[in-house]
């Protein structure tokens, strides 16, 4: 019985530690995604073509 409690506790601690790390990693990935930069670059190219 003690073995199951210890295993469950380790799993719970792992989930508690991993969740914020994965959340931060996902947030960083979304914020620095290439698609967003592509949209920004397309917008700047459109502005430059209008000026000419």
N, C-alpha and C. Protein backbone atom coordinates (compact mmCIF):
# COMPACT_ATOMS: atom_id res chain seq x y z
N UNK A 1 0.82 -1.20 0.00
CA UNK A 1 0.00 0.00 0.00
C UNK A 1 0.86 1.26 0.00
N UNK A 2 1.94 1.24 0.76
CA UNK A 2 2.81 2.40 0.85
C UNK A 2 3.47 2.67 -0.51
N UNK A 3 3.75 1.60 -1.25
CA UNK A 3 4.37 1.74 -2.56
C UNK A 3 3.45 2.50 -3.52
N UNK A 4 2.16 2.23 -3.46
CA UNK A 4 1.20 2.90 -4.34
C UNK A 4 1.06 4.38 -3.98
N UNK A 5 1.07 4.68 -2.71
CA UNK A 5 0.97 6.08 -2.28
C UNK A 5 2.21 6.85 -2.74
N UNK A 6 3.38 6.25 -2.59
CA UNK A 6 4.63 6.89 -3.01
C UNK A 6 4.63 7.11 -4.53
N UNK A 7 4.19 6.09 -5.28
CA UNK A 7 4.15 6.23 -6.74
C UNK A 7 3.17 7.32 -7.15
N UNK A 8 2.00 7.33 -6.54
CA UNK A 8 1.01 8.35 -6.86
C UNK A 8 1.50 9.74 -6.51
N UNK A 9 2.20 9.86 -5.40
CA UNK A 9 2.75 11.15 -4.99
C UNK A 9 3.80 11.64 -6.00
N UNK A 10 4.66 10.73 -6.46
CA UNK A 10 5.66 11.12 -7.46
C UNK A 10 5.00 11.56 -8.76
N UNK A 11 3.97 10.86 -9.18
CA UNK A 11 3.26 11.24 -10.41
C UNK A 11 2.61 12.60 -10.24
N UNK A 12 1.98 12.83 -9.10
CA UNK A 12 1.34 14.11 -8.83
C UNK A 12 2.35 15.26 -8.83
N UNK A 13 3.48 15.06 -8.19
CA UNK A 13 4.53 16.09 -8.17
C UNK A 13 5.04 16.34 -9.59
N UNK A 14 5.20 15.28 -10.37
CA UNK A 14 5.66 15.44 -11.76
C UNK A 14 4.69 16.26 -12.58
N UNK A 15 3.41 16.00 -12.41
CA UNK A 15 2.40 16.76 -13.16
C UNK A 15 2.40 18.22 -12.72
N UNK A 16 2.51 18.45 -11.43
CA UNK A 16 2.50 19.83 -10.91
C UNK A 16 3.71 20.60 -11.43
N UNK A 17 4.85 19.95 -11.54
CA UNK A 17 6.06 20.62 -12.05
C UNK A 17 5.99 20.78 -13.56
N UNK A 18 5.49 19.78 -14.27
CA UNK A 18 5.52 19.80 -15.73
C UNK A 18 4.50 20.76 -16.33
N UNK A 19 3.34 20.90 -15.71
CA UNK A 19 2.29 21.72 -16.32
C UNK A 19 2.72 23.17 -16.56
N UNK A 20 3.30 23.87 -15.58
CA UNK A 20 3.75 25.24 -15.87
C UNK A 20 4.86 25.31 -16.90
N UNK A 21 5.75 24.32 -16.89
CA UNK A 21 6.84 24.33 -17.87
C UNK A 21 6.31 24.16 -19.29
N UNK A 22 5.37 23.23 -19.48
CA UNK A 22 4.79 23.06 -20.81
C UNK A 22 3.97 24.28 -21.20
N UNK A 23 3.30 24.89 -20.26
CA UNK A 23 2.51 26.09 -20.57
C UNK A 23 3.41 27.23 -21.02
N UNK A 24 4.51 27.43 -20.31
CA UNK A 24 5.45 28.49 -20.72
C UNK A 24 6.07 28.19 -22.07
N UNK A 25 6.41 26.93 -22.29
CA UNK A 25 6.98 26.56 -23.59
C UNK A 25 6.00 26.78 -24.72
N UNK A 26 4.75 26.41 -24.51
CA UNK A 26 3.73 26.62 -25.54
C UNK A 26 3.51 28.11 -25.79
N UNK A 27 3.42 28.88 -24.73
CA UNK A 27 3.23 30.33 -24.86
C UNK A 27 4.37 30.96 -25.66
N UNK A 28 5.59 30.56 -25.35
CA UNK A 28 6.76 31.08 -26.07
C UNK A 28 6.71 30.68 -27.54
N UNK A 29 6.34 29.44 -27.80
CA UNK A 29 6.28 28.96 -29.18
C UNK A 29 5.23 29.75 -29.98
N UNK A 30 4.09 29.99 -29.37
CA UNK A 30 3.03 30.71 -30.07
C UNK A 30 3.42 32.17 -30.29
N UNK A 31 4.03 32.77 -29.31
CA UNK A 31 4.40 34.19 -29.42
C UNK A 31 5.50 34.41 -30.47
N UNK A 32 6.35 33.43 -30.67
CA UNK A 32 7.47 33.61 -31.60
C UNK A 32 7.27 32.81 -32.87
N UNK A 33 6.03 32.47 -33.18
CA UNK A 33 5.78 31.62 -34.35
C UNK A 33 6.09 32.38 -35.63
N UNK A 34 6.47 31.64 -36.64
CA UNK A 34 6.84 32.23 -37.92
C UNK A 34 5.64 32.80 -38.64
N UNK A 35 4.47 32.20 -38.46
CA UNK A 35 3.29 32.67 -39.18
C UNK A 35 2.95 34.10 -38.79
N UNK A 36 3.12 34.44 -37.53
CA UNK A 36 2.83 35.81 -37.11
C UNK A 36 3.83 36.78 -37.76
N UNK A 37 5.09 36.37 -37.82
CA UNK A 37 6.09 37.22 -38.46
C UNK A 37 5.83 37.34 -39.95
N UNK A 38 5.32 36.28 -40.55
CA UNK A 38 5.00 36.32 -41.97
C UNK A 38 3.90 37.35 -42.24
N UNK A 39 2.90 37.36 -41.38
CA UNK A 39 1.81 38.33 -41.55
C UNK A 39 2.36 39.75 -41.41
N UNK A 40 3.22 39.95 -40.44
CA UNK A 40 3.81 41.27 -40.24
C UNK A 40 4.65 41.68 -41.44
N UNK A 41 5.44 40.75 -41.98
CA UNK A 41 6.26 41.06 -43.15
C UNK A 41 5.40 41.38 -44.36
N UNK A 42 4.31 40.62 -44.55
CA UNK A 42 3.41 40.88 -45.67
C UNK A 42 2.79 42.26 -45.54
N UNK A 43 2.42 42.63 -44.34
CA UNK A 43 1.83 43.96 -44.09
C UNK A 43 2.84 45.05 -44.43
N UNK A 44 4.10 44.88 -44.02
CA UNK A 44 5.12 45.88 -44.34
C UNK A 44 5.40 45.96 -45.83
N UNK A 45 5.38 44.81 -46.50
CA UNK A 45 5.59 44.82 -47.95
C UNK A 45 4.44 45.53 -48.66
N UNK A 46 3.23 45.32 -48.17
CA UNK A 46 2.07 46.01 -48.76
C UNK A 46 2.17 47.52 -48.54
N UNK A 47 2.62 47.92 -47.37
CA UNK A 47 2.80 49.36 -47.13
C UNK A 47 3.84 49.96 -48.04
N UNK A 48 4.94 49.26 -48.24
CA UNK A 48 5.99 49.76 -49.12
C UNK A 48 5.54 49.83 -50.57
N UNK A 49 4.74 48.87 -51.00
CA UNK A 49 4.27 48.90 -52.39
C UNK A 49 3.26 50.03 -52.61
N UNK A 50 2.52 50.39 -51.58
CA UNK A 50 1.56 51.51 -51.72
C UNK A 50 2.29 52.84 -51.82
N UNK A 51 3.44 52.95 -51.16
CA UNK A 51 4.17 54.20 -51.16
C UNK A 51 4.83 54.48 -52.51
N UNK A 52 5.11 53.44 -53.27
CA UNK A 52 5.84 53.62 -54.52
C UNK A 52 4.96 54.05 -55.65
